[in-house]
Amino acid sequence: MLTGDERQAVRMAGELYTHIAAKVCGNGPTRADDLAELRASIHHVQHWVEAQSAAREHPGELRLMGEVIGGKEPRLE
């Protein structure tokens, strides 16, 4: 499950796309391609945030953003 903050981040990323498409991006011949590239970037951000849930479910295999696997610093030998 996503936390409230994570759900908000995913929603905000989608809202950013909508705002840019409606208010920032022009209507010229490259509009569709530019918006397709932007959509891919927005989806990357959303997937990063959504992956937090999987990382919490499998802490020994996956890591939370900003953390390390298992919550432990790697041992340097």
N, C-alpha and C. Protein backbone atom coordinates (compact mmCIF):
# COMPACT_ATOMS: atom_id res chain seq x y z
N MET A 1 0.84 -1.18 0.00
CA MET A 1 0.00 0.00 0.00
C MET A 1 0.88 1.24 0.00
N LEU A 2 0.46 2.23 -0.73
CA LEU A 2 1.16 3.51 -0.73
C LEU A 2 0.73 4.33 0.47
N THR A 3 1.65 5.11 0.98
CA THR A 3 1.29 6.04 2.06
C THR A 3 0.50 7.19 1.45
N GLY A 4 -0.09 7.98 2.29
CA GLY A 4 -0.81 9.16 1.82
C GLY A 4 0.10 10.11 1.05
N ASP A 5 1.31 10.31 1.55
CA ASP A 5 2.26 11.19 0.86
C ASP A 5 2.66 10.62 -0.50
N GLU A 6 2.83 9.31 -0.58
CA GLU A 6 3.18 8.69 -1.85
C GLU A 6 2.03 8.81 -2.85
N ARG A 7 0.81 8.57 -2.39
CA ARG A 7 -0.35 8.73 -3.28
C ARG A 7 -0.44 10.16 -3.77
N GLN A 8 -0.18 11.11 -2.88
CA GLN A 8 -0.21 12.52 -3.27
C GLN A 8 0.87 12.81 -4.31
N ALA A 9 2.06 12.25 -4.15
CA ALA A 9 3.15 12.47 -5.11
C ALA A 9 2.78 11.93 -6.49
N VAL A 10 2.18 10.73 -6.53
CA VAL A 10 1.77 10.15 -7.81
C VAL A 10 0.71 11.04 -8.46
N ARG A 11 -0.24 11.48 -7.67
CA ARG A 11 -1.31 12.36 -8.18
C ARG A 11 -0.73 13.69 -8.67
N MET A 12 0.20 14.26 -7.91
CA MET A 12 0.80 15.53 -8.29
C MET A 12 1.58 15.42 -9.60
N ALA A 13 2.25 14.29 -9.80
CA ALA A 13 2.97 14.08 -11.05
C ALA A 13 1.99 14.09 -12.22
N GLY A 14 0.87 13.41 -12.07
CA GLY A 14 -0.16 13.43 -13.11
C GLY A 14 -0.72 14.82 -13.34
N GLU A 15 -0.91 15.55 -12.26
CA GLU A 15 -1.42 16.92 -12.39
C GLU A 15 -0.40 17.82 -13.08
N LEU A 16 0.89 17.57 -12.85
CA LEU A 16 1.93 18.34 -13.54
C LEU A 16 1.83 18.13 -15.04
N TYR A 17 1.67 16.87 -15.45
CA TYR A 17 1.52 16.59 -16.88
C TYR A 17 0.31 17.33 -17.44
N THR A 18 -0.82 17.23 -16.76
CA THR A 18 -2.04 17.88 -17.23
C THR A 18 -1.84 19.39 -17.36
N HIS A 19 -1.20 20.00 -16.37
CA HIS A 19 -0.95 21.44 -16.40
C HIS A 19 -0.05 21.82 -17.59
N ILE A 20 1.03 21.08 -17.77
CA ILE A 20 1.95 21.39 -18.87
C ILE A 20 1.25 21.22 -20.21
N ALA A 21 0.49 20.13 -20.35
CA ALA A 21 -0.22 19.89 -21.62
C ALA A 21 -1.22 21.00 -21.92
N ALA A 22 -1.91 21.48 -20.89
CA ALA A 22 -2.96 22.47 -21.09
C ALA A 22 -2.44 23.90 -21.14
N LYS A 23 -1.39 24.21 -20.39
CA LYS A 23 -1.01 25.61 -20.19
C LYS A 23 0.39 25.98 -20.70
N VAL A 24 1.25 24.99 -20.93
CA VAL A 24 2.64 25.30 -21.24
C VAL A 24 3.01 24.88 -22.66
N CYS A 25 2.62 23.70 -23.06
CA CYS A 25 3.01 23.16 -24.36
C CYS A 25 2.23 23.84 -25.48
N GLY A 26 2.94 24.20 -26.53
CA GLY A 26 2.30 24.81 -27.68
C GLY A 26 1.51 23.80 -28.50
N ASN A 27 0.92 24.28 -29.59
CA ASN A 27 0.07 23.44 -30.43
C ASN A 27 0.69 23.18 -31.79
N GLY A 28 2.01 23.29 -31.89
CA GLY A 28 2.69 23.10 -33.16
C GLY A 28 2.83 21.64 -33.55
N PRO A 29 3.58 21.42 -34.62
CA PRO A 29 3.70 20.07 -35.17
C PRO A 29 4.43 19.07 -34.27
N THR A 30 5.15 19.53 -33.29
CA THR A 30 5.87 18.61 -32.40
C THR A 30 5.14 18.34 -31.09
N ARG A 31 3.95 18.91 -30.94
CA ARG A 31 3.20 18.78 -29.68
C ARG A 31 3.01 17.32 -29.26
N ALA A 32 2.49 16.51 -30.14
CA ALA A 32 2.19 15.12 -29.77
C ALA A 32 3.45 14.37 -29.35
N ASP A 33 4.53 14.54 -30.08
CA ASP A 33 5.77 13.85 -29.72
C ASP A 33 6.34 14.37 -28.41
N ASP A 34 6.30 15.68 -28.22
CA ASP A 34 6.82 16.26 -26.97
C ASP A 34 6.00 15.77 -25.78
N LEU A 35 4.69 15.74 -25.92
CA LEU A 35 3.85 15.27 -24.82
C LEU A 35 4.05 13.78 -24.55
N ALA A 36 4.32 13.01 -25.60
CA ALA A 36 4.60 11.58 -25.40
C ALA A 36 5.88 11.40 -24.59
N GLU A 37 6.91 12.19 -24.89
CA GLU A 37 8.16 12.12 -24.11
C GLU A 37 7.93 12.55 -22.67
N LEU A 38 7.16 13.61 -22.49
CA LEU A 38 6.86 14.09 -21.14
C LEU A 38 6.08 13.03 -20.36
N ARG A 39 5.11 12.40 -21.01
CA ARG A 39 4.33 11.35 -20.35
C ARG A 39 5.24 10.23 -19.87
N ALA A 40 6.21 9.84 -20.68
CA ALA A 40 7.13 8.78 -20.28
C ALA A 40 7.91 9.20 -19.04
N SER A 41 8.35 10.44 -18.98
CA SER A 41 9.08 10.92 -17.81
C SER A 41 8.20 10.96 -16.58
N ILE A 42 6.97 11.41 -16.73
CA ILE A 42 6.02 11.44 -15.62
C ILE A 42 5.78 10.02 -15.11
N HIS A 43 5.64 9.08 -16.04
CA HIS A 43 5.43 7.68 -15.63
C HIS A 43 6.64 7.15 -14.87
N HIS A 44 7.84 7.54 -15.26
CA HIS A 44 9.03 7.12 -14.52
C HIS A 44 8.96 7.61 -13.07
N VAL A 45 8.59 8.87 -12.90
CA VAL A 45 8.47 9.41 -11.54
C VAL A 45 7.42 8.64 -10.76
N GLN A 46 6.27 8.40 -11.37
CA GLN A 46 5.21 7.68 -10.68
C GLN A 46 5.66 6.26 -10.32
N HIS A 47 6.35 5.60 -11.21
CA HIS A 47 6.82 4.24 -10.93
C HIS A 47 7.83 4.22 -9.79
N TRP A 48 8.72 5.21 -9.73
CA TRP A 48 9.67 5.30 -8.61
C TRP A 48 8.91 5.37 -7.29
N VAL A 49 7.91 6.23 -7.25
CA VAL A 49 7.15 6.39 -6.01
C VAL A 49 6.36 5.13 -5.70
N GLU A 50 5.73 4.55 -6.71
CA GLU A 50 4.93 3.35 -6.50
C GLU A 50 5.79 2.17 -6.05
N ALA A 51 7.05 2.16 -6.43
CA ALA A 51 7.95 1.08 -6.03
C ALA A 51 8.23 1.09 -4.53
N GLN A 52 7.92 2.18 -3.86
CA GLN A 52 8.11 2.25 -2.41
C GLN A 52 7.32 1.14 -1.71
N SER A 53 6.12 0.90 -2.19
CA SER A 53 5.27 -0.12 -1.59
C SER A 53 5.91 -1.50 -1.70
N ALA A 54 6.44 -1.82 -2.87
CA ALA A 54 7.10 -3.11 -3.06
C ALA A 54 8.34 -3.21 -2.18
N ALA A 55 9.07 -2.12 -2.04
CA ALA A 55 10.28 -2.13 -1.20
C ALA A 55 9.94 -2.38 0.26
N ARG A 56 8.83 -1.82 0.73
CA ARG A 56 8.41 -2.08 2.11
C ARG A 56 8.00 -3.53 2.29
N GLU A 57 7.41 -4.12 1.25
CA GLU A 57 6.94 -5.51 1.32
C GLU A 57 8.10 -6.50 1.26
N HIS A 58 9.18 -6.13 0.61
CA HIS A 58 10.33 -7.02 0.43
C HIS A 58 11.63 -6.32 0.81
N PRO A 59 11.80 -5.97 2.08
CA PRO A 59 12.96 -5.16 2.49
C PRO A 59 14.30 -5.85 2.31
N GLY A 60 14.33 -7.16 2.23
CA GLY A 60 15.59 -7.86 2.03
C GLY A 60 16.03 -7.91 0.57
N GLU A 61 15.12 -7.55 -0.33
CA GLU A 61 15.42 -7.62 -1.77
C GLU A 61 15.42 -6.27 -2.45
N LEU A 62 14.56 -5.39 -1.99
CA LEU A 62 14.37 -4.08 -2.64
C LEU A 62 14.64 -2.98 -1.62
N ARG A 63 14.96 -1.80 -2.10
CA ARG A 63 15.24 -0.72 -1.18
C ARG A 63 14.30 0.46 -1.40
N LEU A 64 14.02 1.14 -0.32
CA LEU A 64 13.27 2.39 -0.37
C LEU A 64 14.16 3.48 -0.96
N MET A 65 13.56 4.46 -1.60
CA MET A 65 14.35 5.58 -2.10
C MET A 65 15.12 6.21 -0.94
N GLY A 66 16.38 6.45 -1.18
CA GLY A 66 17.21 7.09 -0.17
C GLY A 66 17.76 6.16 0.89
N GLU A 67 17.43 4.88 0.78
CA GLU A 67 17.85 3.90 1.78
C GLU A 67 18.70 2.82 1.13
N VAL A 68 19.05 1.82 1.90
CA VAL A 68 19.78 0.67 1.39
C VAL A 68 18.96 -0.59 1.64
N ILE A 69 19.25 -1.66 0.91
CA ILE A 69 18.50 -2.90 1.08
C ILE A 69 18.63 -3.39 2.51
N GLY A 70 17.51 -3.74 3.09
CA GLY A 70 17.49 -4.24 4.46
C GLY A 70 17.69 -3.18 5.52
N GLY A 71 17.82 -1.93 5.11
CA GLY A 71 17.99 -0.84 6.08
C GLY A 71 19.35 -0.82 6.75
N LYS A 72 20.30 -1.58 6.22
CA LYS A 72 21.63 -1.64 6.82
C LYS A 72 22.66 -1.16 5.81
N GLU A 73 23.65 -0.47 6.30
CA GLU A 73 24.73 -0.02 5.45
C GLU A 73 25.53 -1.24 4.99
N PRO A 74 25.99 -1.26 3.75
CA PRO A 74 26.79 -2.39 3.30
C PRO A 74 28.12 -2.45 4.04
N ARG A 75 28.61 -3.66 4.27
CA ARG A 75 29.89 -3.83 4.94
C ARG A 75 31.00 -3.67 3.93
N LEU A 76 31.98 -2.88 4.28
CA LEU A 76 33.17 -2.73 3.43
C LEU A 76 34.25 -3.62 3.99
N GLU A 77 34.78 -4.46 3.18
CA GLU A 77 35.80 -5.41 3.64
C GLU A 77 37.14 -5.04 3.07
